[in-house]
N, C-alpha and C. Protein backbone atom coordinates (compact mmCIF):
# COMPACT_ATOMS: atom_id res chain seq x y z
N GLN A 1 6.27 -14.28 78.37
CA GLN A 1 7.01 -13.27 77.78
C GLN A 1 8.52 -13.99 77.17
N VAL A 2 8.59 -14.00 75.69
CA VAL A 2 9.59 -14.67 75.19
C VAL A 2 10.96 -14.38 75.45
N GLN A 3 11.91 -15.01 75.82
CA GLN A 3 13.21 -14.74 76.03
C GLN A 3 14.28 -15.42 75.17
N LEU A 4 15.16 -14.65 74.40
CA LEU A 4 16.50 -15.37 73.93
C LEU A 4 17.70 -14.95 74.49
N VAL A 5 18.21 -15.82 75.09
CA VAL A 5 19.35 -15.67 75.88
C VAL A 5 20.69 -16.03 75.15
N GLU A 6 21.52 -14.94 75.01
CA GLU A 6 22.82 -15.13 74.20
C GLU A 6 23.94 -15.35 75.07
N SER A 7 25.08 -16.03 74.63
CA SER A 7 26.13 -16.07 75.52
C SER A 7 27.21 -16.42 74.33
N GLY A 8 28.50 -16.23 74.86
CA GLY A 8 29.63 -16.62 74.26
C GLY A 8 30.48 -15.60 73.52
N GLY A 9 29.91 -14.24 73.52
CA GLY A 9 30.95 -13.16 73.08
C GLY A 9 32.08 -13.01 73.82
N GLY A 10 32.99 -12.09 73.29
CA GLY A 10 34.18 -11.96 73.93
C GLY A 10 35.19 -11.25 72.94
N LEU A 11 36.37 -11.22 73.75
CA LEU A 11 37.65 -10.85 72.79
C LEU A 11 38.58 -11.81 72.17
N VAL A 12 38.61 -11.72 70.96
CA VAL A 12 39.56 -12.98 70.14
C VAL A 12 40.58 -11.92 69.21
N GLN A 13 41.75 -12.74 68.99
CA GLN A 13 42.65 -12.27 68.03
C GLN A 13 42.14 -12.47 66.56
N PRO A 14 42.66 -11.39 65.78
CA PRO A 14 42.57 -11.84 63.97
C PRO A 14 42.97 -13.35 63.84
N GLY A 15 41.96 -13.86 63.34
CA GLY A 15 42.33 -15.34 62.54
C GLY A 15 41.93 -16.26 63.80
N GLY A 16 41.33 -15.81 64.96
CA GLY A 16 40.84 -16.82 65.71
C GLY A 16 39.39 -17.18 65.71
N SER A 17 38.73 -17.93 66.46
CA SER A 17 37.57 -18.65 66.43
C SER A 17 36.67 -18.24 67.73
N LEU A 18 35.50 -18.25 67.71
CA LEU A 18 34.63 -17.91 68.63
C LEU A 18 33.18 -18.58 68.37
N ARG A 19 32.42 -18.89 69.33
CA ARG A 19 31.22 -19.54 69.10
C ARG A 19 30.53 -18.73 70.36
N VAL A 20 29.08 -18.29 69.43
CA VAL A 20 28.13 -17.59 70.23
C VAL A 20 26.74 -18.44 70.41
N SER A 21 25.98 -18.52 71.20
CA SER A 21 25.30 -19.40 71.57
C SER A 21 23.64 -18.45 71.66
N CYS A 22 22.54 -18.88 71.46
CA CYS A 22 21.55 -18.19 71.78
C CYS A 22 20.33 -19.34 72.01
N ALA A 23 19.67 -19.62 73.34
CA ALA A 23 18.59 -20.40 73.70
C ALA A 23 17.27 -19.72 73.82
N THR A 24 16.34 -20.21 73.58
CA THR A 24 14.87 -19.83 74.07
C THR A 24 14.12 -21.05 74.19
N SER A 25 12.99 -20.93 74.54
CA SER A 25 11.89 -21.87 74.74
C SER A 25 11.48 -22.91 73.65
N ARG A 26 11.19 -24.01 73.92
CA ARG A 26 11.01 -24.95 73.09
C ARG A 26 10.18 -24.66 71.81
N SER A 27 8.79 -24.29 72.51
CA SER A 27 7.65 -23.77 71.76
C SER A 27 7.83 -22.63 70.41
N ILE A 28 8.88 -21.91 70.96
CA ILE A 28 9.35 -20.74 70.00
C ILE A 28 10.60 -21.60 68.86
N PHE A 29 11.33 -22.14 69.55
CA PHE A 29 12.50 -22.59 69.07
C PHE A 29 11.91 -23.75 67.89
N ASN A 30 11.14 -24.43 67.84
CA ASN A 30 10.61 -25.61 67.03
C ASN A 30 9.77 -25.09 65.75
N ILE A 31 9.58 -23.68 65.84
CA ILE A 31 8.90 -23.32 64.78
C ILE A 31 9.29 -21.89 63.93
N SER A 32 10.36 -21.74 64.55
CA SER A 32 11.32 -20.31 64.07
C SER A 32 12.30 -20.62 63.23
N THR A 33 12.49 -19.83 62.36
CA THR A 33 13.78 -19.20 61.61
C THR A 33 14.68 -18.58 62.55
N MET A 34 15.69 -19.22 62.97
CA MET A 34 16.65 -18.36 64.05
C MET A 34 17.71 -17.77 63.01
N GLY A 35 18.11 -16.73 63.56
CA GLY A 35 18.98 -15.97 62.98
C GLY A 35 20.14 -15.22 63.75
N TRP A 36 21.24 -14.78 63.37
CA TRP A 36 22.15 -14.10 63.99
C TRP A 36 22.44 -12.78 63.03
N TYR A 37 22.24 -11.61 63.58
CA TYR A 37 22.60 -10.29 63.04
C TYR A 37 23.84 -9.63 63.82
N ARG A 38 24.36 -8.42 63.18
CA ARG A 38 25.14 -7.71 64.29
C ARG A 38 24.98 -6.27 63.68
N GLN A 39 25.48 -5.52 64.68
CA GLN A 39 25.51 -4.18 64.60
C GLN A 39 27.16 -3.55 64.97
N ALA A 40 27.79 -3.03 64.31
CA ALA A 40 29.00 -2.42 64.56
C ALA A 40 28.58 -0.99 64.73
N PRO A 41 29.73 -0.38 65.51
CA PRO A 41 29.48 1.27 65.65
C PRO A 41 29.03 1.79 64.69
N GLY A 42 28.18 2.82 64.39
CA GLY A 42 27.77 3.73 63.34
C GLY A 42 27.27 3.20 62.36
N LYS A 43 26.87 1.97 62.40
CA LYS A 43 26.53 1.16 61.22
C LYS A 43 25.03 0.82 61.67
N GLN A 44 24.29 0.26 60.52
CA GLN A 44 23.07 -0.14 60.69
C GLN A 44 23.22 -1.96 61.03
N ARG A 45 22.27 -2.52 61.84
CA ARG A 45 22.10 -3.93 61.87
C ARG A 45 22.25 -4.60 60.64
N GLU A 46 22.87 -5.75 60.26
CA GLU A 46 22.92 -6.46 59.11
C GLU A 46 22.84 -7.97 59.73
N LEU A 47 22.49 -8.63 58.59
CA LEU A 47 22.12 -10.21 58.64
C LEU A 47 23.73 -10.85 58.63
N VAL A 48 23.72 -11.88 59.52
CA VAL A 48 24.97 -12.54 59.45
C VAL A 48 24.67 -13.92 58.86
N ALA A 49 23.69 -14.55 59.66
CA ALA A 49 23.15 -16.05 58.83
C ALA A 49 21.79 -16.35 59.50
N THR A 50 21.23 -17.04 58.75
CA THR A 50 19.93 -17.84 59.34
C THR A 50 19.74 -19.25 59.04
N ILE A 51 19.01 -19.82 59.85
CA ILE A 51 18.89 -21.11 59.97
C ILE A 51 17.24 -21.33 59.86
N THR A 52 16.64 -22.05 59.03
CA THR A 52 15.07 -22.57 59.29
C THR A 52 14.87 -23.44 60.25
N SER A 53 13.68 -23.75 60.36
CA SER A 53 13.25 -24.94 61.32
C SER A 53 13.65 -26.31 60.85
N GLY A 54 13.58 -26.14 59.47
CA GLY A 54 14.11 -27.56 58.63
C GLY A 54 15.66 -27.71 58.36
N GLY A 55 16.28 -26.71 58.72
CA GLY A 55 17.97 -26.81 58.36
C GLY A 55 18.33 -26.13 57.29
N SER A 56 17.63 -25.36 56.64
CA SER A 56 18.28 -24.55 55.29
C SER A 56 18.87 -23.25 56.04
N THR A 57 19.84 -23.05 55.50
CA THR A 57 20.78 -21.85 55.99
C THR A 57 20.97 -20.95 54.78
N ASN A 58 21.42 -19.59 55.39
CA ASN A 58 21.63 -18.32 54.27
C ASN A 58 22.76 -17.84 55.21
N TYR A 59 23.61 -17.23 54.37
CA TYR A 59 24.59 -16.33 54.93
C TYR A 59 25.19 -15.11 54.24
N ALA A 60 25.48 -14.14 54.91
CA ALA A 60 25.88 -12.99 54.11
C ALA A 60 27.42 -13.14 53.50
N ASP A 61 27.25 -12.41 52.40
CA ASP A 61 28.59 -13.05 51.60
C ASP A 61 29.74 -12.65 52.50
N SER A 62 29.75 -11.72 53.34
CA SER A 62 31.02 -11.27 53.99
C SER A 62 31.53 -12.51 55.02
N VAL A 63 30.76 -13.48 55.25
CA VAL A 63 31.11 -14.66 56.30
C VAL A 63 30.96 -15.66 55.78
N LYS A 64 30.61 -15.99 54.56
CA LYS A 64 30.65 -17.27 53.68
C LYS A 64 31.99 -17.77 53.80
N GLY A 65 31.95 -19.28 54.26
CA GLY A 65 33.16 -19.93 54.36
C GLY A 65 33.94 -19.61 55.46
N ARG A 66 33.43 -19.04 56.43
CA ARG A 66 34.20 -18.51 57.67
C ARG A 66 33.31 -18.79 59.03
N PHE A 67 32.03 -18.45 58.76
CA PHE A 67 31.12 -18.55 59.68
C PHE A 67 30.00 -20.07 59.42
N ILE A 68 29.79 -20.40 60.58
CA ILE A 68 28.77 -21.86 60.31
C ILE A 68 27.47 -21.63 61.33
N ILE A 69 26.43 -21.40 60.90
CA ILE A 69 25.40 -21.63 61.84
C ILE A 69 24.45 -23.10 62.11
N SER A 70 24.33 -23.21 63.20
CA SER A 70 23.63 -24.42 63.60
C SER A 70 22.53 -24.54 64.55
N ARG A 71 21.78 -25.51 64.61
CA ARG A 71 20.88 -25.59 65.76
C ARG A 71 20.47 -26.89 66.27
N ASP A 72 20.71 -27.15 67.82
CA ASP A 72 20.45 -28.28 68.28
C ASP A 72 18.86 -28.11 68.89
N ASN A 73 18.25 -28.98 68.26
CA ASN A 73 16.71 -28.91 68.70
C ASN A 73 16.55 -29.62 70.05
N ALA A 74 17.21 -30.40 70.50
CA ALA A 74 17.11 -30.85 71.78
C ALA A 74 17.39 -29.84 72.85
N LYS A 75 18.39 -29.07 72.65
CA LYS A 75 18.73 -28.04 73.50
C LYS A 75 17.98 -26.64 73.30
N ASN A 76 17.02 -26.40 72.23
CA ASN A 76 16.60 -25.48 71.97
C ASN A 76 17.47 -24.28 71.60
N THR A 77 18.73 -24.64 71.27
CA THR A 77 19.77 -23.66 70.90
C THR A 77 20.32 -23.40 69.57
N VAL A 78 20.53 -22.28 69.30
CA VAL A 78 21.15 -21.94 67.84
C VAL A 78 22.64 -21.34 68.01
N TYR A 79 23.64 -21.98 67.29
CA TYR A 79 24.95 -21.34 67.32
C TYR A 79 25.40 -20.75 66.40
N LEU A 80 26.46 -19.87 66.52
CA LEU A 80 27.25 -19.44 65.55
C LEU A 80 28.58 -19.56 65.65
N GLN A 81 29.45 -20.40 64.68
CA GLN A 81 30.78 -20.73 64.73
C GLN A 81 31.43 -19.68 64.09
N MET A 82 32.15 -19.01 64.74
CA MET A 82 32.81 -17.75 63.77
C MET A 82 34.33 -18.18 63.89
N ASN A 83 34.98 -18.44 62.57
CA ASN A 83 36.49 -18.97 62.36
C ASN A 83 36.96 -17.89 61.58
N SER A 84 38.32 -17.84 61.46
CA SER A 84 38.97 -16.91 60.70
C SER A 84 38.51 -15.24 60.81
N LEU A 85 38.35 -15.16 62.22
CA LEU A 85 37.85 -13.64 62.38
C LEU A 85 38.78 -12.37 62.25
N LYS A 86 37.99 -11.48 61.70
CA LYS A 86 38.67 -10.29 61.11
C LYS A 86 38.14 -8.97 61.96
N PRO A 87 39.02 -8.08 62.02
CA PRO A 87 38.55 -7.00 62.85
C PRO A 87 37.31 -6.37 62.51
N GLU A 88 37.15 -6.37 61.39
CA GLU A 88 35.91 -5.84 60.66
C GLU A 88 34.50 -6.93 61.18
N ASP A 89 35.04 -7.97 61.97
CA ASP A 89 33.82 -8.43 62.41
C ASP A 89 33.31 -8.42 63.63
N THR A 90 34.12 -7.18 64.42
CA THR A 90 33.73 -6.83 65.54
C THR A 90 32.39 -5.96 65.72
N ALA A 91 31.41 -6.42 66.35
CA ALA A 91 30.17 -5.77 66.56
C ALA A 91 29.59 -6.63 67.70
N VAL A 92 28.05 -5.91 67.85
CA VAL A 92 27.26 -6.64 68.84
C VAL A 92 26.41 -7.48 68.04
N TYR A 93 26.53 -8.74 68.47
CA TYR A 93 25.95 -9.92 67.87
C TYR A 93 24.46 -10.16 68.66
N TYR A 94 23.45 -10.21 67.68
CA TYR A 94 22.08 -10.33 68.00
C TYR A 94 21.22 -11.57 67.73
N CYS A 95 20.49 -12.40 68.44
CA CYS A 95 19.89 -13.48 68.00
C CYS A 95 18.59 -13.01 67.55
N ARG A 96 17.94 -13.62 66.43
CA ARG A 96 16.74 -13.48 66.37
C ARG A 96 15.79 -14.55 66.15
N ALA A 97 14.58 -14.71 66.76
CA ALA A 97 13.73 -15.75 66.11
C ALA A 97 12.39 -15.27 65.57
N ALA A 98 12.08 -15.45 64.53
CA ALA A 98 11.06 -15.11 63.56
C ALA A 98 10.27 -16.04 62.77
N ARG A 99 8.98 -15.86 62.73
CA ARG A 99 8.09 -16.82 61.90
C ARG A 99 7.11 -15.85 61.03
N ALA A 100 7.16 -16.35 59.73
CA ALA A 100 6.61 -15.32 58.71
C ALA A 100 5.06 -15.63 58.70
N LEU A 101 4.64 -17.13 58.86
CA LEU A 101 3.39 -17.78 58.95
C LEU A 101 2.72 -17.49 60.35
N LEU A 102 1.40 -17.47 60.12
CA LEU A 102 0.80 -17.40 61.41
C LEU A 102 1.13 -18.63 62.37
N PRO A 103 1.33 -18.25 63.96
CA PRO A 103 1.29 -16.77 64.49
C PRO A 103 2.67 -16.08 63.93
N ARG A 104 2.54 -15.24 63.71
CA ARG A 104 3.57 -14.23 63.01
C ARG A 104 4.41 -13.62 64.33
N TYR A 105 5.69 -13.39 64.51
CA TYR A 105 6.39 -12.91 65.73
C TYR A 105 7.91 -12.49 65.19
N ASN A 106 8.61 -12.00 66.04
CA ASN A 106 9.75 -11.64 65.65
C ASN A 106 10.41 -10.92 66.89
N TYR A 107 11.34 -11.78 67.49
CA TYR A 107 12.08 -11.60 68.96
C TYR A 107 13.44 -11.45 68.57
N TRP A 108 14.07 -10.74 69.33
CA TRP A 108 15.41 -10.45 69.49
C TRP A 108 15.97 -10.78 71.04
N GLY A 109 17.13 -11.17 71.01
CA GLY A 109 18.02 -11.29 72.07
C GLY A 109 18.53 -9.69 72.59
N GLN A 110 19.32 -9.89 73.56
CA GLN A 110 19.83 -8.36 74.10
C GLN A 110 21.15 -8.07 73.55
N GLY A 111 21.99 -9.10 72.82
CA GLY A 111 23.07 -8.83 72.13
C GLY A 111 24.37 -9.28 72.91
N THR A 112 25.27 -9.54 72.08
CA THR A 112 26.60 -9.96 72.78
C THR A 112 27.58 -9.74 72.00
N GLN A 113 28.64 -9.04 72.70
CA GLN A 113 29.77 -8.16 72.08
C GLN A 113 30.64 -9.38 71.63
N VAL A 114 30.89 -9.15 70.43
CA VAL A 114 32.22 -9.91 69.84
C VAL A 114 33.27 -8.69 69.30
N THR A 115 34.57 -8.65 69.99
CA THR A 115 35.61 -7.79 69.45
C THR A 115 36.79 -8.76 68.86
N VAL A 116 37.24 -8.47 67.83
CA VAL A 116 38.38 -8.93 67.30
C VAL A 116 39.64 -8.07 67.08
N SER A 117 40.30 -8.11 67.80
CA SER A 117 41.79 -7.27 68.01
C SER A 117 42.85 -7.82 68.51
N SER A 118 43.88 -7.33 68.09
CA SER A 118 45.07 -7.64 68.56
C SER A 118 45.70 -7.01 69.71
């Protein structure tokens, strides 16, 4: 059973920074596009950022210039560094490991709460 273990969520003031992490097994991590998604109360889950196994990144317009996604292949971990946080960034943040080529799969973490409030 594949597990994605997230950590690092919490409460932060507007303008502050927070980093969330997601670790998984090496066999999955090395061939996956890793991503962060978020879901605010009453809203649909949305893409935040993704990073391919080759290191190419993609960001939602709402977080460009503020968030940075990165991956540490030695630790099988993907990070999301969140800077200049706004109240509208408040959501449950989910990690995803996906692969479109064979073997195809799509795995999700359990989510970690990020709350931006004064």
